[in-house]
Amino acid sequence: MAQPHKGDRQTVTSKIPRKDSDKLDAVVALTSEAKSDIVARLLHEWLETIDLERLRAVYGQEELLMRTAS
């Protein structure tokens, strides 16, 4: 059966500790949900909690004022 279109997507790859991977595999086996769907949902939920404007204010680069040699 064809899967419904989920919109524009980008692949993200990461290595995780074996213990976490084994647990994720167990969740997949129990729920029959695709591993990629689980990871995408968790990443999306986490990203929703991030305030980009605040991060830019904390980590953003300020303009570097250059003094002319006199």
PDB file of N, CA and C in Angstrom:
ATOM      1  N   MET A   1       0.842  -1.175   0.000  1.00  0.00           N
ATOM      2  CA  MET A   1       0.000   0.000   0.000  1.00  0.00           C
ATOM      3  C   MET A   1       0.890   1.242   0.000  1.00  0.00           C
ATOM      4  N   ALA A   2       0.539   2.218  -0.801  1.00  0.00           N
ATOM      5  CA  ALA A   2       1.340   3.445  -0.908  1.00  0.00           C
ATOM      6  C   ALA A   2       1.192   4.294   0.345  1.00  0.00           C
ATOM      7  N   GLN A   3       2.291   4.929   0.714  1.00  0.00           N
ATOM      8  CA  GLN A   3       2.295   5.820   1.868  1.00  0.00           C
ATOM      9  C   GLN A   3       1.836   7.211   1.431  1.00  0.00           C
ATOM     10  N   PRO A   4       1.108   7.938   2.304  1.00  0.00           N
ATOM     11  CA  PRO A   4       0.694   9.295   1.946  1.00  0.00           C
ATOM     12  C   PRO A   4       1.910  10.216   1.858  1.00  0.00           C
ATOM     13  N   HIS A   5       1.819  11.211   0.976  1.00  0.00           N
ATOM     14  CA  HIS A   5       2.917  12.168   0.806  1.00  0.00           C
ATOM     15  C   HIS A   5       3.064  12.995   2.082  1.00  0.00           C
ATOM     16  N   LYS A   6       4.289  13.140   2.557  1.00  0.00           N
ATOM     17  CA  LYS A   6       4.547  13.851   3.810  1.00  0.00           C
ATOM     18  C   LYS A   6       5.135  15.237   3.588  1.00  0.00           C
ATOM     19  N   GLY A   7       5.169  15.686   2.346  1.00  0.00           N
ATOM     20  CA  GLY A   7       5.697  17.015   2.067  1.00  0.00           C
ATOM     21  C   GLY A   7       7.195  16.972   1.797  1.00  0.00           C
ATOM     22  N   ASP A   8       7.755  18.158   1.614  1.00  0.00           N
ATOM     23  CA  ASP A   8       9.175  18.296   1.318  1.00  0.00           C
ATOM     24  C   ASP A   8      10.000  17.782   2.498  1.00  0.00           C
ATOM     25  N   ARG A   9      10.922  16.904   2.240  1.00  0.00           N
ATOM     26  CA  ARG A   9      11.736  16.281   3.291  1.00  0.00           C
ATOM     27  C   ARG A   9      13.212  16.378   2.961  1.00  0.00           C
ATOM     28  N   GLN A  10      14.042  16.343   3.989  1.00  0.00           N
ATOM     29  CA  GLN A  10      15.495  16.345   3.863  1.00  0.00           C
ATOM     30  C   GLN A  10      16.031  15.200   4.719  1.00  0.00           C
ATOM     31  N   THR A  11      16.968  14.446   4.190  1.00  0.00           N
ATOM     32  CA  THR A  11      17.557  13.334   4.932  1.00  0.00           C
ATOM     33  C   THR A  11      18.563  13.853   5.954  1.00  0.00           C
ATOM     34  N   VAL A  12      18.475  13.319   7.163  1.00  0.00           N
ATOM     35  CA  VAL A  12      19.419  13.629   8.235  1.00  0.00           C
ATOM     36  C   VAL A  12      19.963  12.292   8.728  1.00  0.00           C
ATOM     37  N   THR A  13      21.274  12.186   8.825  1.00  0.00           N
ATOM     38  CA  THR A  13      21.904  10.937   9.244  1.00  0.00           C
ATOM     39  C   THR A  13      22.697  11.168  10.518  1.00  0.00           C
ATOM     40  N   SER A  14      22.619  10.221  11.438  1.00  0.00           N
ATOM     41  CA  SER A  14      23.358  10.340  12.691  1.00  0.00           C
ATOM     42  C   SER A  14      23.688   8.951  13.220  1.00  0.00           C
ATOM     43  N   LYS A  15      24.794   8.873  13.912  1.00  0.00           N
ATOM     44  CA  LYS A  15      25.151   7.637  14.610  1.00  0.00           C
ATOM     45  C   LYS A  15      24.793   7.811  16.075  1.00  0.00           C
ATOM     46  N   ILE A  16      24.168   6.786  16.633  1.00  0.00           N
ATOM     47  CA  ILE A  16      23.780   6.840  18.043  1.00  0.00           C
ATOM     48  C   ILE A  16      24.397   5.652  18.771  1.00  0.00           C
ATOM     49  N   PRO A  17      24.475   5.732  20.094  1.00  0.00           N
ATOM     50  CA  PRO A  17      25.043   4.606  20.859  1.00  0.00           C
ATOM     51  C   PRO A  17      24.278   3.308  20.598  1.00  0.00           C
ATOM     52  N   ARG A  18      24.997   2.206  20.570  1.00  0.00           N
ATOM     53  CA  ARG A  18      24.398   0.897  20.281  1.00  0.00           C
ATOM     54  C   ARG A  18      23.219   0.614  21.211  1.00  0.00           C
ATOM     55  N   LYS A  19      23.348   0.958  22.490  1.00  0.00           N
ATOM     56  CA  LYS A  19      22.277   0.709  23.460  1.00  0.00           C
ATOM     57  C   LYS A  19      20.991   1.420  23.033  1.00  0.00           C
ATOM     58  N   ASP A  20      21.125   2.673  22.570  1.00  0.00           N
ATOM     59  CA  ASP A  20      19.956   3.423  22.124  1.00  0.00           C
ATOM     60  C   ASP A  20      19.394   2.827  20.834  1.00  0.00           C
ATOM     61  N   SER A  21      20.268   2.402  19.945  1.00  0.00           N
ATOM     62  CA  SER A  21      19.832   1.792  18.698  1.00  0.00           C
ATOM     63  C   SER A  21      19.066   0.498  18.960  1.00  0.00           C
ATOM     64  N   ASP A  22      19.560  -0.295  19.886  1.00  0.00           N
ATOM     65  CA  ASP A  22      18.880  -1.544  20.237  1.00  0.00           C
ATOM     66  C   ASP A  22      17.487  -1.267  20.805  1.00  0.00           C
ATOM     67  N   LYS A  23      17.394  -0.224  21.628  1.00  0.00           N
ATOM     68  CA  LYS A  23      16.098   0.115  22.211  1.00  0.00           C
ATOM     69  C   LYS A  23      15.150   0.631  21.127  1.00  0.00           C
ATOM     70  N   LEU A  24      15.663   1.444  20.209  1.00  0.00           N
ATOM     71  CA  LEU A  24      14.848   1.930  19.098  1.00  0.00           C
ATOM     72  C   LEU A  24      14.347   0.760  18.251  1.00  0.00           C
ATOM     73  N   ASP A  25      15.221  -0.209  18.004  1.00  0.00           N
ATOM     74  CA  ASP A  25      14.818  -1.402  17.250  1.00  0.00           C
ATOM     75  C   ASP A  25      13.693  -2.153  17.962  1.00  0.00           C
ATOM     76  N   ALA A  26      13.756  -2.210  19.281  1.00  0.00           N
ATOM     77  CA  ALA A  26      12.710  -2.883  20.056  1.00  0.00           C
ATOM     78  C   ALA A  26      11.386  -2.124  19.944  1.00  0.00           C
ATOM     79  N   VAL A  27      11.455  -0.795  19.992  1.00  0.00           N
ATOM     80  CA  VAL A  27      10.238   0.015  19.837  1.00  0.00           C
ATOM     81  C   VAL A  27       9.630  -0.213  18.457  1.00  0.00           C
ATOM     82  N   VAL A  28      10.466  -0.239  17.432  1.00  0.00           N
ATOM     83  CA  VAL A  28      10.000  -0.483  16.065  1.00  0.00           C
ATOM     84  C   VAL A  28       9.328  -1.855  15.973  1.00  0.00           C
ATOM     85  N   ALA A  29       9.934  -2.852  16.581  1.00  0.00           N
ATOM     86  CA  ALA A  29       9.373  -4.205  16.544  1.00  0.00           C
ATOM     87  C   ALA A  29       8.009  -4.262  17.245  1.00  0.00           C
ATOM     88  N   LEU A  30       7.875  -3.516  18.332  1.00  0.00           N
ATOM     89  CA  LEU A  30       6.623  -3.535  19.086  1.00  0.00           C
ATOM     90  C   LEU A  30       5.517  -2.716  18.425  1.00  0.00           C
ATOM     91  N   THR A  31       5.878  -1.593  17.822  1.00  0.00           N
ATOM     92  CA  THR A  31       4.866  -0.666  17.297  1.00  0.00           C
ATOM     93  C   THR A  31       4.639  -0.785  15.796  1.00  0.00           C
ATOM     94  N   SER A  32       5.566  -1.411  15.091  1.00  0.00           N
ATOM     95  CA  SER A  32       5.540  -1.501  13.624  1.00  0.00           C
ATOM     96  C   SER A  32       5.636  -0.137  12.945  1.00  0.00           C
ATOM     97  N   GLU A  33       6.032   0.886  13.698  1.00  0.00           N
ATOM     98  CA  GLU A  33       6.247   2.216  13.124  1.00  0.00           C
ATOM     99  C   GLU A  33       7.640   2.242  12.507  1.00  0.00           C
ATOM    100  N   ALA A  34       7.781   2.921  11.403  1.00  0.00           N
ATOM    101  CA  ALA A  34       9.081   3.002  10.744  1.00  0.00           C
ATOM    102  C   ALA A  34      10.077   3.759  11.622  1.00  0.00           C
ATOM    103  N   LYS A  35      11.294   3.238  11.655  1.00  0.00           N
ATOM    104  CA  LYS A  35      12.348   3.875  12.456  1.00  0.00           C
ATOM    105  C   LYS A  35      12.525   5.336  12.056  1.00  0.00           C
ATOM    106  N   SER A  36      12.538   5.596  10.759  1.00  0.00           N
ATOM    107  CA  SER A  36      12.736   6.972  10.293  1.00  0.00           C
ATOM    108  C   SER A  36      11.595   7.885  10.736  1.00  0.00           C
ATOM    109  N   ASP A  37      10.376   7.367  10.801  1.00  0.00           N
ATOM    110  CA  ASP A  37       9.244   8.174  11.257  1.00  0.00           C
ATOM    111  C   ASP A  37       9.369   8.520  12.736  1.00  0.00           C
ATOM    112  N   ILE A  38       9.827   7.569  13.529  1.00  0.00           N
ATOM    113  CA  ILE A  38      10.019   7.815  14.961  1.00  0.00           C
ATOM    114  C   ILE A  38      11.076   8.890  15.169  1.00  0.00           C
ATOM    115  N   VAL A  39      12.217   8.731  14.513  1.00  0.00           N
ATOM    116  CA  VAL A  39      13.314   9.682  14.677  1.00  0.00           C
ATOM    117  C   VAL A  39      12.897  11.060  14.170  1.00  0.00           C
ATOM    118  N   ALA A  40      12.215  11.120  13.029  1.00  0.00           N
ATOM    119  CA  ALA A  40      11.766  12.402  12.482  1.00  0.00           C
ATOM    120  C   ALA A  40      10.807  13.097  13.445  1.00  0.00           C
ATOM    121  N   ARG A  41       9.874  12.344  14.022  1.00  0.00           N
ATOM    122  CA  ARG A  41       8.916  12.926  14.957  1.00  0.00           C
ATOM    123  C   ARG A  41       9.614  13.480  16.197  1.00  0.00           C
ATOM    124  N   LEU A  42      10.548  12.703  16.749  1.00  0.00           N
ATOM    125  CA  LEU A  42      11.262  13.150  17.948  1.00  0.00           C
ATOM    126  C   LEU A  42      12.102  14.392  17.668  1.00  0.00           C
ATOM    127  N   LEU A  43      12.782  14.410  16.536  1.00  0.00           N
ATOM    128  CA  LEU A  43      13.591  15.571  16.178  1.00  0.00           C
ATOM    129  C   LEU A  43      12.704  16.793  15.952  1.00  0.00           C
ATOM    130  N   HIS A  44      11.582  16.598  15.274  1.00  0.00           N
ATOM    131  CA  HIS A  44      10.652  17.696  15.037  1.00  0.00           C
ATOM    132  C   HIS A  44      10.133  18.263  16.360  1.00  0.00           C
ATOM    133  N   GLU A  45       9.730  17.391  17.271  1.00  0.00           N
ATOM    134  CA  GLU A  45       9.211  17.840  18.570  1.00  0.00           C
ATOM    135  C   GLU A  45      10.266  18.637  19.332  1.00  0.00           C
ATOM    136  N   TRP A  46      11.517  18.200  19.283  1.00  0.00           N
ATOM    137  CA  TRP A  46      12.593  18.917  19.965  1.00  0.00           C
ATOM    138  C   TRP A  46      12.840  20.273  19.314  1.00  0.00           C
ATOM    139  N   LEU A  47      12.890  20.302  17.985  1.00  0.00           N
ATOM    140  CA  LEU A  47      13.137  21.558  17.283  1.00  0.00           C
ATOM    141  C   LEU A  47      12.027  22.578  17.535  1.00  0.00           C
ATOM    142  N   GLU A  48      10.810  22.116  17.727  1.00  0.00           N
ATOM    143  CA  GLU A  48       9.701  23.014  18.027  1.00  0.00           C
ATOM    144  C   GLU A  48       9.918  23.773  19.340  1.00  0.00           C
ATOM    145  N   THR A  49      10.721  23.240  20.236  1.00  0.00           N
ATOM    146  CA  THR A  49      10.952  23.883  21.534  1.00  0.00           C
ATOM    147  C   THR A  49      12.054  24.932  21.495  1.00  0.00           C
ATOM    148  N   ILE A  50      12.746  25.052  20.383  1.00  0.00           N
ATOM    149  CA  ILE A  50      13.897  25.950  20.290  1.00  0.00           C
ATOM    150  C   ILE A  50      13.471  27.321  19.786  1.00  0.00           C
ATOM    151  N   ASP A  51      13.884  28.348  20.511  1.00  0.00           N
ATOM    152  CA  ASP A  51      13.629  29.730  20.132  1.00  0.00           C
ATOM    153  C   ASP A  51      14.852  30.234  19.357  1.00  0.00           C
ATOM    154  N   LEU A  52      14.741  30.276  18.039  1.00  0.00           N
ATOM    155  CA  LEU A  52      15.879  30.673  17.213  1.00  0.00           C
ATOM    156  C   LEU A  52      16.332  32.106  17.480  1.00  0.00           C
ATOM    157  N   GLU A  53      15.401  33.000  17.729  1.00  0.00           N
ATOM    158  CA  GLU A  53      15.783  34.390  17.999  1.00  0.00           C
ATOM    159  C   GLU A  53      16.627  34.480  19.266  1.00  0.00           C
ATOM    160  N   ARG A  54      16.269  33.721  20.272  1.00  0.00           N
ATOM    161  CA  ARG A  54      17.051  33.706  21.519  1.00  0.00           C
ATOM    162  C   ARG A  54      18.441  33.129  21.265  1.00  0.00           C
ATOM    163  N   LEU A  55      18.501  32.041  20.507  1.00  0.00           N
ATOM    164  CA  LEU A  55      19.797  31.444  20.184  1.00  0.00           C
ATOM    165  C   LEU A  55      20.672  32.409  19.395  1.00  0.00           C
ATOM    166  N   ARG A  56      20.066  33.113  18.454  1.00  0.00           N
ATOM    167  CA  ARG A  56      20.834  34.091  17.679  1.00  0.00           C
ATOM    168  C   ARG A  56      21.380  35.178  18.583  1.00  0.00           C
ATOM    169  N   ALA A  57      20.581  35.589  19.566  1.00  0.00           N
ATOM    170  CA  ALA A  57      21.021  36.634  20.486  1.00  0.00           C
ATOM    171  C   ALA A  57      22.170  36.141  21.359  1.00  0.00           C
ATOM    172  N   VAL A  58      22.136  34.881  21.754  1.00  0.00           N
ATOM    173  CA  VAL A  58      23.165  34.324  22.631  1.00  0.00           C
ATOM    174  C   VAL A  58      24.409  33.926  21.845  1.00  0.00           C
ATOM    175  N   TYR A  59      24.223  33.271  20.709  1.00  0.00           N
ATOM    176  CA  TYR A  59      25.347  32.709  19.966  1.00  0.00           C
ATOM    177  C   TYR A  59      25.706  33.477  18.696  1.00  0.00           C
ATOM    178  N   GLY A  60      24.861  34.399  18.320  1.00  0.00           N
ATOM    179  CA  GLY A  60      25.098  35.141  17.090  1.00  0.00           C
ATOM    180  C   GLY A  60      26.356  35.986  17.178  1.00  0.00           C
ATOM    181  N   GLN A  61      26.933  36.235  16.038  1.00  0.00           N
ATOM    182  CA  GLN A  61      28.127  37.058  15.998  1.00  0.00           C
ATOM    183  C   GLN A  61      27.724  38.520  15.915  1.00  0.00           C
ATOM    184  N   GLU A  62      28.399  39.316  16.720  1.00  0.00           N
ATOM    185  CA  GLU A  62      28.177  40.746  16.658  1.00  0.00           C
ATOM    186  C   GLU A  62      29.099  41.335  15.613  1.00  0.00           C
ATOM    187  N   GLU A  63      28.728  42.497  15.133  1.00  0.00           N
ATOM    188  CA  GLU A  63      29.540  43.162  14.125  1.00  0.00           C
ATOM    189  C   GLU A  63      30.880  43.530  14.735  1.00  0.00           C
ATOM    190  N   LEU A  64      31.926  43.221  14.004  1.00  0.00           N
ATOM    191  CA  LEU A  64      33.286  43.533  14.436  1.00  0.00           C
ATOM    192  C   LEU A  64      33.657  44.924  13.905  1.00  0.00           C
ATOM    193  N   LEU A  65      33.886  45.833  14.842  1.00  0.00           N
ATOM    194  CA  LEU A  65      34.245  47.183  14.428  1.00  0.00           C
ATOM    195  C   LEU A  65      35.737  47.235  14.127  1.00  0.00           C
ATOM    196  N   MET A  66      36.035  47.688  12.942  1.00  0.00           N
ATOM    197  CA  MET A  66      37.423  47.791  12.510  1.00  0.00           C
ATOM    198  C   MET A  66      37.901  49.227  12.698  1.00  0.00           C
ATOM    199  N   ARG A  67      38.987  49.375  13.400  1.00  0.00           N
ATOM    200  CA  ARG A  67      39.555  50.709  13.564  1.00  0.00           C
ATOM    201  C   ARG A  67      40.590  50.936  12.466  1.00  0.00           C
ATOM    202  N   THR A  68      40.602  52.122  11.954  1.00  0.00           N
ATOM    203  CA  THR A  68      41.600  52.435  10.928  1.00  0.00           C
ATOM    204  C   THR A  68      42.899  52.825  11.608  1.00  0.00           C
ATOM    205  N   ALA A  69      43.983  52.421  11.013  1.00  0.00           N
ATOM    206  CA  ALA A  69      45.302  52.757  11.563  1.00  0.00           C
ATOM    207  C   ALA A  69      45.518  54.246  11.456  1.00  0.00           C
ATOM    208  N   SER A  70      46.055  54.831  12.513  1.00  0.00           N
ATOM    209  CA  SER A  70      46.306  56.273  12.450  1.00  0.00           C
ATOM    210  C   SER A  70      47.784  56.569  12.491  1.00  0.00           C
TER     211      SER A  70
END
